[in-house]
PDB file of N, CA and C in Angstrom:
ATOM      1  N   UNK A   1       6.360 -20.449  21.013  1.00  0.00           N
ATOM      2  CA  UNK A   1       6.364 -19.086  20.514  1.00  0.00           C
ATOM      3  C   UNK A   1       5.730 -19.046  19.135  1.00  0.00           C
ATOM      4  N   UNK A   2       4.948 -18.002  18.889  1.00  0.00           N
ATOM      5  CA  UNK A   2       4.285 -17.817  17.617  1.00  0.00           C
ATOM      6  C   UNK A   2       5.328 -17.494  16.558  1.00  0.00           C
ATOM      7  N   UNK A   3       5.370 -18.274  15.467  1.00  0.00           N
ATOM      8  CA  UNK A   3       6.436 -18.097  14.494  1.00  0.00           C
ATOM      9  C   UNK A   3       5.987 -17.410  13.212  1.00  0.00           C
ATOM     10  N   UNK A   4       4.719 -17.094  13.086  1.00  0.00           N
ATOM     11  CA  UNK A   4       4.230 -16.416  11.894  1.00  0.00           C
ATOM     12  C   UNK A   4       4.133 -14.915  12.150  1.00  0.00           C
ATOM     13  N   UNK A   5       4.391 -14.108  11.131  1.00  0.00           N
ATOM     14  CA  UNK A   5       4.187 -12.664  11.312  1.00  0.00           C
ATOM     15  C   UNK A   5       2.704 -12.379  11.509  1.00  0.00           C
ATOM     16  N   UNK A   6       2.415 -11.334  12.231  1.00  0.00           N
ATOM     17  CA  UNK A   6       1.021 -10.947  12.443  1.00  0.00           C
ATOM     18  C   UNK A   6       0.922  -9.435  12.418  1.00  0.00           C
ATOM     19  N   UNK A   7      -0.282  -8.954  12.186  1.00  0.00           N
ATOM     20  CA  UNK A   7      -0.509  -7.513  12.163  1.00  0.00           C
ATOM     21  C   UNK A   7      -1.851  -7.222  12.815  1.00  0.00           C
ATOM     22  N   UNK A   8      -1.873  -6.130  13.568  1.00  0.00           N
ATOM     23  CA  UNK A   8      -3.086  -5.725  14.268  1.00  0.00           C
ATOM     24  C   UNK A   8      -3.339  -4.248  13.988  1.00  0.00           C
ATOM     25  N   UNK A   9      -4.582  -3.924  13.660  1.00  0.00           N
ATOM     26  CA  UNK A   9      -4.958  -2.533  13.481  1.00  0.00           C
ATOM     27  C   UNK A   9      -5.114  -1.935  14.870  1.00  0.00           C
ATOM     28  N   UNK A  10      -4.292  -0.952  15.194  1.00  0.00           N
ATOM     29  CA  UNK A  10      -4.302  -0.340  16.522  1.00  0.00           C
ATOM     30  C   UNK A  10      -5.217   0.867  16.604  1.00  0.00           C
ATOM     31  N   UNK A  11      -5.288   1.647  15.506  1.00  0.00           N
ATOM     32  CA  UNK A  11      -6.038   2.895  15.591  1.00  0.00           C
ATOM     33  C   UNK A  11      -6.400   3.387  14.198  1.00  0.00           C
ATOM     34  N   UNK A  12      -7.578   3.963  14.084  1.00  0.00           N
ATOM     35  CA  UNK A  12      -7.957   4.720  12.895  1.00  0.00           C
ATOM     36  C   UNK A  12      -8.442   6.085  13.382  1.00  0.00           C
ATOM     37  N   UNK A  13      -7.898   7.141  12.805  1.00  0.00           N
ATOM     38  CA  UNK A  13      -8.249   8.496  13.219  1.00  0.00           C
ATOM     39  C   UNK A  13      -8.556   9.330  11.986  1.00  0.00           C
ATOM     40  N   UNK A  14      -9.561  10.184  12.094  1.00  0.00           N
ATOM     41  CA  UNK A  14      -9.903  11.071  11.000  1.00  0.00           C
ATOM     42  C   UNK A  14      -9.438  12.487  11.323  1.00  0.00           C
ATOM     43  N   UNK A  15      -8.765  13.121  10.338  1.00  0.00           N
ATOM     44  CA  UNK A  15      -8.303  14.502  10.443  1.00  0.00           C
ATOM     45  C   UNK A  15      -8.800  15.239   9.209  1.00  0.00           C
ATOM     46  N   UNK A  16      -9.885  15.966   9.338  1.00  0.00           N
ATOM     47  CA  UNK A  16     -10.456  16.661   8.184  1.00  0.00           C
ATOM     48  C   UNK A  16     -10.918  15.651   7.156  1.00  0.00           C
ATOM     49  N   UNK A  17     -10.330  15.709   5.940  1.00  0.00           N
ATOM     50  CA  UNK A  17     -10.692  14.739   4.899  1.00  0.00           C
ATOM     51  C   UNK A  17      -9.668  13.605   4.794  1.00  0.00           C
ATOM     52  N   UNK A  18      -8.761  13.505   5.769  1.00  0.00           N
ATOM     53  CA  UNK A  18      -7.729  12.456   5.764  1.00  0.00           C
ATOM     54  C   UNK A  18      -7.967  11.465   6.892  1.00  0.00           C
ATOM     55  N   UNK A  19      -7.521  10.255   6.655  1.00  0.00           N
ATOM     56  CA  UNK A  19      -7.529   9.204   7.670  1.00  0.00           C
ATOM     57  C   UNK A  19      -6.097   8.808   7.982  1.00  0.00           C
ATOM     58  N   UNK A  20      -5.847   8.478   9.231  1.00  0.00           N
ATOM     59  CA  UNK A  20      -4.557   7.929   9.656  1.00  0.00           C
ATOM     60  C   UNK A  20      -4.847   6.568  10.270  1.00  0.00           C
ATOM     61  N   UNK A  21      -4.150   5.552   9.776  1.00  0.00           N
ATOM     62  CA  UNK A  21      -4.290   4.198  10.280  1.00  0.00           C
ATOM     63  C   UNK A  21      -2.952   3.801  10.895  1.00  0.00           C
ATOM     64  N   UNK A  22      -2.999   3.265  12.118  1.00  0.00           N
ATOM     65  CA  UNK A  22      -1.801   2.799  12.804  1.00  0.00           C
ATOM     66  C   UNK A  22      -1.949   1.301  13.016  1.00  0.00           C
ATOM     67  N   UNK A  23      -0.940   0.552  12.561  1.00  0.00           N
ATOM     68  CA  UNK A  23      -0.938  -0.898  12.699  1.00  0.00           C
ATOM     69  C   UNK A  23       0.313  -1.322  13.456  1.00  0.00           C
ATOM     70  N   UNK A  24       0.243  -2.481  14.105  1.00  0.00           N
ATOM     71  CA  UNK A  24       1.423  -3.044  14.743  1.00  0.00           C
ATOM     72  C   UNK A  24       1.715  -4.380  14.081  1.00  0.00           C
ATOM     73  N   UNK A  25       2.887  -4.465  13.499  1.00  0.00           N
ATOM     74  CA  UNK A  25       3.333  -5.645  12.776  1.00  0.00           C
ATOM     75  C   UNK A  25       4.334  -6.384  13.649  1.00  0.00           C
ATOM     76  N   UNK A  26       4.043  -7.635  13.982  1.00  0.00           N
ATOM     77  CA  UNK A  26       4.969  -8.468  14.770  1.00  0.00           C
ATOM     78  C   UNK A  26       5.689  -9.407  13.823  1.00  0.00           C
ATOM     79  N   UNK A  27       7.020  -9.350  13.864  1.00  0.00           N
ATOM     80  CA  UNK A  27       7.833 -10.166  12.964  1.00  0.00           C
ATOM     81  C   UNK A  27       8.779 -11.017  13.793  1.00  0.00           C
ATOM     82  N   UNK A  28       8.464 -12.308  13.971  1.00  0.00           N
ATOM     83  CA  UNK A  28       9.346 -13.185  14.742  1.00  0.00           C
ATOM     84  C   UNK A  28      10.592 -13.560  13.943  1.00  0.00           C
ATOM     85  N   UNK A  29      11.584 -14.066  14.628  1.00  0.00           N
ATOM     86  CA  UNK A  29      12.785 -14.536  13.954  1.00  0.00           C
ATOM     87  C   UNK A  29      13.829 -13.448  13.820  1.00  0.00           C
ATOM     88  N   UNK A  30      14.755 -13.687  12.916  1.00  0.00           N
ATOM     89  CA  UNK A  30      15.880 -12.781  12.728  1.00  0.00           C
ATOM     90  C   UNK A  30      15.717 -11.980  11.452  1.00  0.00           C
ATOM     91  N   UNK A  31      16.560 -11.000  11.288  1.00  0.00           N
ATOM     92  CA  UNK A  31      16.579 -10.218  10.060  1.00  0.00           C
ATOM     93  C   UNK A  31      15.572  -9.092  10.010  1.00  0.00           C
ATOM     94  N   UNK A  32      15.192  -8.564  11.171  1.00  0.00           N
ATOM     95  CA  UNK A  32      14.205  -7.491  11.194  1.00  0.00           C
ATOM     96  C   UNK A  32      14.660  -6.292  10.372  1.00  0.00           C
ATOM     97  N   UNK A  33      15.928  -5.924  10.446  1.00  0.00           N
ATOM     98  CA  UNK A  33      16.390  -4.735   9.715  1.00  0.00           C
ATOM     99  C   UNK A  33      16.271  -4.943   8.205  1.00  0.00           C
ATOM    100  N   UNK A  34      16.547  -6.163   7.727  1.00  0.00           N
ATOM    101  CA  UNK A  34      16.410  -6.438   6.292  1.00  0.00           C
ATOM    102  C   UNK A  34      14.945  -6.398   5.871  1.00  0.00           C
ATOM    103  N   UNK A  35      14.083  -6.974   6.692  1.00  0.00           N
ATOM    104  CA  UNK A  35      12.651  -6.965   6.394  1.00  0.00           C
ATOM    105  C   UNK A  35      12.131  -5.537   6.401  1.00  0.00           C
ATOM    106  N   UNK A  36      12.545  -4.767   7.385  1.00  0.00           N
ATOM    107  CA  UNK A  36      12.126  -3.371   7.488  1.00  0.00           C
ATOM    108  C   UNK A  36      12.572  -2.588   6.255  1.00  0.00           C
ATOM    109  N   UNK A  37      13.797  -2.818   5.810  1.00  0.00           N
ATOM    110  CA  UNK A  37      14.319  -2.147   4.617  1.00  0.00           C
ATOM    111  C   UNK A  37      13.476  -2.491   3.390  1.00  0.00           C
ATOM    112  N   UNK A  38      13.125  -3.755   3.218  1.00  0.00           N
ATOM    113  CA  UNK A  38      12.309  -4.175   2.076  1.00  0.00           C
ATOM    114  C   UNK A  38      10.900  -3.584   2.153  1.00  0.00           C
ATOM    115  N   UNK A  39      10.338  -3.538   3.353  1.00  0.00           N
ATOM    116  CA  UNK A  39       9.017  -2.930   3.524  1.00  0.00           C
ATOM    117  C   UNK A  39       9.056  -1.449   3.149  1.00  0.00           C
ATOM    118  N   UNK A  40      10.092  -0.751   3.599  1.00  0.00           N
ATOM    119  CA  UNK A  40      10.221   0.673   3.290  1.00  0.00           C
ATOM    120  C   UNK A  40      10.389   0.915   1.788  1.00  0.00           C
ATOM    121  N   UNK A  41      11.097   0.020   1.097  1.00  0.00           N
ATOM    122  CA  UNK A  41      11.259   0.145  -0.350  1.00  0.00           C
ATOM    123  C   UNK A  41       9.942  -0.086  -1.076  1.00  0.00           C
ATOM    124  N   UNK A  42       9.193  -1.093  -0.649  1.00  0.00           N
ATOM    125  CA  UNK A  42       7.953  -1.475  -1.333  1.00  0.00           C
ATOM    126  C   UNK A  42       6.788  -0.537  -1.008  1.00  0.00           C
ATOM    127  N   UNK A  43       6.679  -0.127   0.244  1.00  0.00           N
ATOM    128  CA  UNK A  43       5.548   0.687   0.701  1.00  0.00           C
ATOM    129  C   UNK A  43       6.047   2.089   1.046  1.00  0.00           C
ATOM    130  N   UNK A  44       6.421   2.845   0.041  1.00  0.00           N
ATOM    131  CA  UNK A  44       7.064   4.154   0.239  1.00  0.00           C
ATOM    132  C   UNK A  44       6.163   5.185   0.896  1.00  0.00           C
ATOM    133  N   UNK A  45       4.851   5.038   0.763  1.00  0.00           N
ATOM    134  CA  UNK A  45       3.929   6.009   1.352  1.00  0.00           C
ATOM    135  C   UNK A  45       3.616   5.707   2.810  1.00  0.00           C
ATOM    136  N   UNK A  46       4.134   4.596   3.322  1.00  0.00           N
ATOM    137  CA  UNK A  46       3.881   4.204   4.705  1.00  0.00           C
ATOM    138  C   UNK A  46       5.075   4.613   5.559  1.00  0.00           C
ATOM    139  N   UNK A  47       4.831   4.823   6.841  1.00  0.00           N
ATOM    140  CA  UNK A  47       5.894   5.138   7.789  1.00  0.00           C
ATOM    141  C   UNK A  47       6.104   3.918   8.687  1.00  0.00           C
ATOM    142  N   UNK A  48       7.355   3.477   8.836  1.00  0.00           N
ATOM    143  CA  UNK A  48       7.691   2.307   9.645  1.00  0.00           C
ATOM    144  C   UNK A  48       8.619   2.713  10.784  1.00  0.00           C
ATOM    145  N   UNK A  49       8.344   2.172  11.977  1.00  0.00           N
ATOM    146  CA  UNK A  49       9.199   2.427  13.144  1.00  0.00           C
ATOM    147  C   UNK A  49       9.343   1.110  13.906  1.00  0.00           C
ATOM    148  N   UNK A  50      10.579   0.632  14.011  1.00  0.00           N
ATOM    149  CA  UNK A  50      10.848  -0.642  14.687  1.00  0.00           C
ATOM    150  C   UNK A  50      11.025  -0.438  16.178  1.00  0.00           C
ATOM    151  N   UNK A  51      10.505  -1.406  16.953  1.00  0.00           N
ATOM    152  CA  UNK A  51      10.654  -1.409  18.403  1.00  0.00           C
ATOM    153  C   UNK A  51      10.728  -2.874  18.834  1.00  0.00           C
ATOM    154  N   UNK A  52      11.939  -3.355  19.038  1.00  0.00           N
ATOM    155  CA  UNK A  52      12.097  -4.778  19.372  1.00  0.00           C
ATOM    156  C   UNK A  52      11.720  -5.636  18.179  1.00  0.00           C
ATOM    157  N   UNK A  53      10.796  -6.560  18.356  1.00  0.00           N
ATOM    158  CA  UNK A  53      10.340  -7.428  17.268  1.00  0.00           C
ATOM    159  C   UNK A  53       9.071  -6.886  16.610  1.00  0.00           C
ATOM    160  N   UNK A  54       8.623  -5.726  17.034  1.00  0.00           N
ATOM    161  CA  UNK A  54       7.410  -5.138  16.479  1.00  0.00           C
ATOM    162  C   UNK A  54       7.747  -3.925  15.628  1.00  0.00           C
ATOM    163  N   UNK A  55       6.904  -3.690  14.637  1.00  0.00           N
ATOM    164  CA  UNK A  55       7.056  -2.541  13.764  1.00  0.00           C
ATOM    165  C   UNK A  55       5.728  -1.790  13.768  1.00  0.00           C
ATOM    166  N   UNK A  56       5.792  -0.511  14.093  1.00  0.00           N
ATOM    167  CA  UNK A  56       4.604   0.336  14.012  1.00  0.00           C
ATOM    168  C   UNK A  56       4.537   0.885  12.594  1.00  0.00           C
ATOM    169  N   UNK A  57       3.377   0.741  11.981  1.00  0.00           N
ATOM    170  CA  UNK A  57       3.165   1.192  10.610  1.00  0.00           C
ATOM    171  C   UNK A  57       2.095   2.280  10.638  1.00  0.00           C
ATOM    172  N   UNK A  58       2.398   3.425  10.047  1.00  0.00           N
ATOM    173  CA  UNK A  58       1.423   4.510   9.956  1.00  0.00           C
ATOM    174  C   UNK A  58       1.157   4.806   8.486  1.00  0.00           C
ATOM    175  N   UNK A  59      -0.135   4.910   8.169  1.00  0.00           N
ATOM    176  CA  UNK A  59      -0.563   5.162   6.798  1.00  0.00           C
ATOM    177  C   UNK A  59      -1.594   6.284   6.828  1.00  0.00           C
ATOM    178  N   UNK A  60      -1.425   7.276   5.972  1.00  0.00           N
ATOM    179  CA  UNK A  60      -2.405   8.350   5.847  1.00  0.00           C
ATOM    180  C   UNK A  60      -2.963   8.340   4.432  1.00  0.00           C
ATOM    181  N   UNK A  61      -4.256   8.585   4.312  1.00  0.00           N
ATOM    182  CA  UNK A  61      -4.895   8.603   3.001  1.00  0.00           C
ATOM    183  C   UNK A  61      -6.194   9.376   3.082  1.00  0.00           C
ATOM    184  N   UNK A  62      -6.735   9.701   1.924  1.00  0.00           N
ATOM    185  CA  UNK A  62      -8.012  10.401   1.830  1.00  0.00           C
ATOM    186  C   UNK A  62      -9.066   9.454   1.274  1.00  0.00           C
ATOM    187  N   UNK A  63     -10.250   9.560   1.807  1.00  0.00           N
ATOM    188  CA  UNK A  63     -11.417   8.922   1.201  1.00  0.00           C
ATOM    189  C   UNK A  63     -12.309  10.087   0.798  1.00  0.00           C
ATOM    190  N   UNK A  64     -12.251  10.450  -0.476  1.00  0.00           N
ATOM    191  CA  UNK A  64     -12.952  11.641  -0.934  1.00  0.00           C
ATOM    192  C   UNK A  64     -14.451  11.409  -1.127  1.00  0.00           C
ATOM    193  N   UNK A  65     -14.810  10.220  -1.542  1.00  0.00           N
ATOM    194  CA  UNK A  65     -16.210   9.902  -1.774  1.00  0.00           C
ATOM    195  C   UNK A  65     -16.544   8.606  -1.054  1.00  0.00           C
ATOM    196  N   UNK A  66     -16.868   8.686   0.225  1.00  0.00           N
ATOM    197  CA  UNK A  66     -17.045   7.478   1.033  1.00  0.00           C
ATOM    198  C   UNK A  66     -18.121   6.529   0.516  1.00  0.00           C
ATOM    199  N   UNK A  67     -19.120   7.049  -0.181  1.00  0.00           N
ATOM    200  CA  UNK A  67     -20.164   6.158  -0.681  1.00  0.00           C
ATOM    201  C   UNK A  67     -19.657   5.262  -1.805  1.00  0.00           C
ATOM    202  N   UNK A  68     -18.518   5.611  -2.435  1.00  0.00           N
ATOM    203  CA  UNK A  68     -17.953   4.794  -3.501  1.00  0.00           C
ATOM    204  C   UNK A  68     -16.766   3.950  -3.020  1.00  0.00           C
ATOM    205  N   UNK A  69     -16.183   4.320  -1.917  1.00  0.00           N
ATOM    206  CA  UNK A  69     -14.995   3.627  -1.400  1.00  0.00           C
ATOM    207  C   UNK A  69     -15.379   2.688  -0.265  1.00  0.00           C
ATOM    208  N   UNK A  70     -14.418   1.875   0.116  1.00  0.00           N
ATOM    209  CA  UNK A  70     -14.612   0.989   1.253  1.00  0.00           C
ATOM    210  C   UNK A  70     -14.616   1.790   2.552  1.00  0.00           C
ATOM    211  N   UNK A  71     -15.263   1.278   3.597  1.00  0.00           N
ATOM    212  CA  UNK A  71     -15.146   1.905   4.919  1.00  0.00           C
ATOM    213  C   UNK A  71     -13.679   1.868   5.366  1.00  0.00           C
ATOM    214  N   UNK A  72     -13.291   2.823   6.187  1.00  0.00           N
ATOM    215  CA  UNK A  72     -11.902   2.917   6.628  1.00  0.00           C
ATOM    216  C   UNK A  72     -11.441   1.623   7.304  1.00  0.00           C
ATOM    217  N   UNK A  73     -12.320   0.937   8.012  1.00  0.00           N
ATOM    218  CA  UNK A  73     -11.946  -0.330   8.671  1.00  0.00           C
ATOM    219  C   UNK A  73     -11.564  -1.382   7.635  1.00  0.00           C
ATOM    220  N   UNK A  74     -12.270  -1.400   6.504  1.00  0.00           N
ATOM    221  CA  UNK A  74     -11.933  -2.353   5.441  1.00  0.00           C
ATOM    222  C   UNK A  74     -10.612  -1.999   4.775  1.00  0.00           C
ATOM    223  N   UNK A  75     -10.367  -0.695   4.598  1.00  0.00           N
ATOM    224  CA  UNK A  75      -9.091  -0.250   4.030  1.00  0.00           C
ATOM    225  C   UNK A  75      -7.947  -0.660   4.955  1.00  0.00           C
ATOM    226  N   UNK A  76      -8.125  -0.461   6.264  1.00  0.00           N
ATOM    227  CA  UNK A  76      -7.089  -0.830   7.247  1.00  0.00           C
ATOM    228  C   UNK A  76      -6.822  -2.335   7.203  1.00  0.00           C
ATOM    229  N   UNK A  77      -7.867  -3.137   7.115  1.00  0.00           N
ATOM    230  CA  UNK A  77      -7.688  -4.594   7.029  1.00  0.00           C
ATOM    231  C   UNK A  77      -6.985  -4.991   5.731  1.00  0.00           C
ATOM    232  N   UNK A  78      -7.292  -4.300   4.640  1.00  0.00           N
ATOM    233  CA  UNK A  78      -6.623  -4.581   3.368  1.00  0.00           C
ATOM    234  C   UNK A  78      -5.134  -4.271   3.444  1.00  0.00           C
ATOM    235  N   UNK A  79      -4.797  -3.159   4.096  1.00  0.00           N
ATOM    236  CA  UNK A  79      -3.388  -2.798   4.287  1.00  0.00           C
ATOM    237  C   UNK A  79      -2.690  -3.873   5.108  1.00  0.00           C
ATOM    238  N   UNK A  80      -3.335  -4.322   6.184  1.00  0.00           N
ATOM    239  CA  UNK A  80      -2.758  -5.361   7.048  1.00  0.00           C
ATOM    240  C   UNK A  80      -2.504  -6.641   6.251  1.00  0.00           C
ATOM    241  N   UNK A  81      -3.482  -7.065   5.451  1.00  0.00           N
ATOM    242  CA  UNK A  81      -3.323  -8.278   4.640  1.00  0.00           C
ATOM    243  C   UNK A  81      -2.215  -8.119   3.606  1.00  0.00           C
ATOM    244  N   UNK A  82      -2.107  -6.939   3.021  1.00  0.00           N
ATOM    245  CA  UNK A  82      -1.063  -6.685   2.034  1.00  0.00           C
ATOM    246  C   UNK A  82       0.332  -6.785   2.664  1.00  0.00           C
ATOM    247  N   UNK A  83       0.505  -6.242   3.859  1.00  0.00           N
ATOM    248  CA  UNK A  83       1.794  -6.317   4.554  1.00  0.00           C
ATOM    249  C   UNK A  83       2.171  -7.767   4.864  1.00  0.00           C
ATOM    250  N   UNK A  84       1.225  -8.523   5.424  1.00  0.00           N
ATOM    251  CA  UNK A  84       1.491  -9.936   5.755  1.00  0.00           C
ATOM    252  C   UNK A  84       1.791 -10.736   4.498  1.00  0.00           C
ATOM    253  N   UNK A  85       1.020 -10.512   3.449  1.00  0.00           N
ATOM    254  CA  UNK A  85       1.243 -11.223   2.192  1.00  0.00           C
ATOM    255  C   UNK A  85       2.626 -10.928   1.633  1.00  0.00           C
ATOM    256  N   UNK A  86       3.048  -9.678   1.689  1.00  0.00           N
ATOM    257  CA  UNK A  86       4.365  -9.291   1.192  1.00  0.00           C
ATOM    258  C   UNK A  86       5.470 -10.028   1.942  1.00  0.00           C
ATOM    259  N   UNK A  87       5.340 -10.079   3.256  1.00  0.00           N
ATOM    260  CA  UNK A  87       6.362 -10.736   4.076  1.00  0.00           C
ATOM    261  C   UNK A  87       6.376 -12.245   3.853  1.00  0.00           C
ATOM    262  N   UNK A  88       5.226 -12.881   3.903  1.00  0.00           N
ATOM    263  CA  UNK A  88       5.182 -14.338   3.821  1.00  0.00           C
ATOM    264  C   UNK A  88       5.412 -14.865   2.396  1.00  0.00           C
ATOM    265  N   UNK A  89       5.158 -14.029   1.380  1.00  0.00           N
ATOM    266  CA  UNK A  89       5.363 -14.462   0.008  1.00  0.00           C
ATOM    267  C   UNK A  89       6.815 -14.298  -0.442  1.00  0.00           C
ATOM    268  N   UNK A  90       7.654 -13.795   0.436  1.00  0.00           N
ATOM    269  CA  UNK A  90       9.061 -13.675   0.101  1.00  0.00           C
ATOM    270  C   UNK A  90       9.464 -12.316  -0.413  1.00  0.00           C
ATOM    271  N   UNK A  91       8.534 -11.355  -0.412  1.00  0.00           N
ATOM    272  CA  UNK A  91       8.860 -10.016  -0.886  1.00  0.00           C
ATOM    273  C   UNK A  91       9.857  -9.320   0.010  1.00  0.00           C
ATOM    274  N   UNK A  92       9.934  -9.760   1.254  1.00  0.00           N
ATOM    275  CA  UNK A  92      10.859  -9.126   2.201  1.00  0.00           C
ATOM    276  C   UNK A  92      12.065 -10.021   2.427  1.00  0.00           C
ATOM    277  N   UNK A  93      12.697 -10.422   1.365  1.00  0.00           N
ATOM    278  CA  UNK A  93      13.944 -11.172   1.483  1.00  0.00           C
ATOM    279  C   UNK A  93      13.750 -12.657   1.754  1.00  0.00           C
ATOM    280  N   UNK A  94      12.597 -13.201   1.427  1.00  0.00           N
ATOM    281  CA  UNK A  94      12.363 -14.627   1.636  1.00  0.00           C
ATOM    282  C   UNK A  94      11.358 -14.881   2.702  1.00  0.00           C
ATOM    283  N   UNK A  95      10.798 -16.057   2.689  1.00  0.00           N
ATOM    284  CA  UNK A  95       9.776 -16.405   3.666  1.00  0.00           C
ATOM    285  C   UNK A  95      10.377 -16.517   5.053  1.00  0.00           C
ATOM    286  N   UNK A  96       9.642 -16.078   6.042  1.00  0.00           N
ATOM    287  CA  UNK A  96      10.115 -16.119   7.429  1.00  0.00           C
ATOM    288  C   UNK A  96       9.868 -17.495   7.999  1.00  0.00           C
TER     289      UNK A  96
END
């Protein structure tokens, strides 16, 4: 069984001048509720929904000047890396 947390970008959608990114975070092991609580405290602008060992993460943001900002795919990947880094670095109650 895979023992490291992982995250996958599931969807990016544009609504007017806003983007919505949906990610699926897989967290093996125990203590999902504690990890979820720490994620919610740290990433207050994100929406988290637990389902078994997976957590759906929804993030909405604006890219007002796309020529100066990263493409939405790069932003989504940065969010994914930030979530994994937070969990594995012990920000969510210790390393998994």
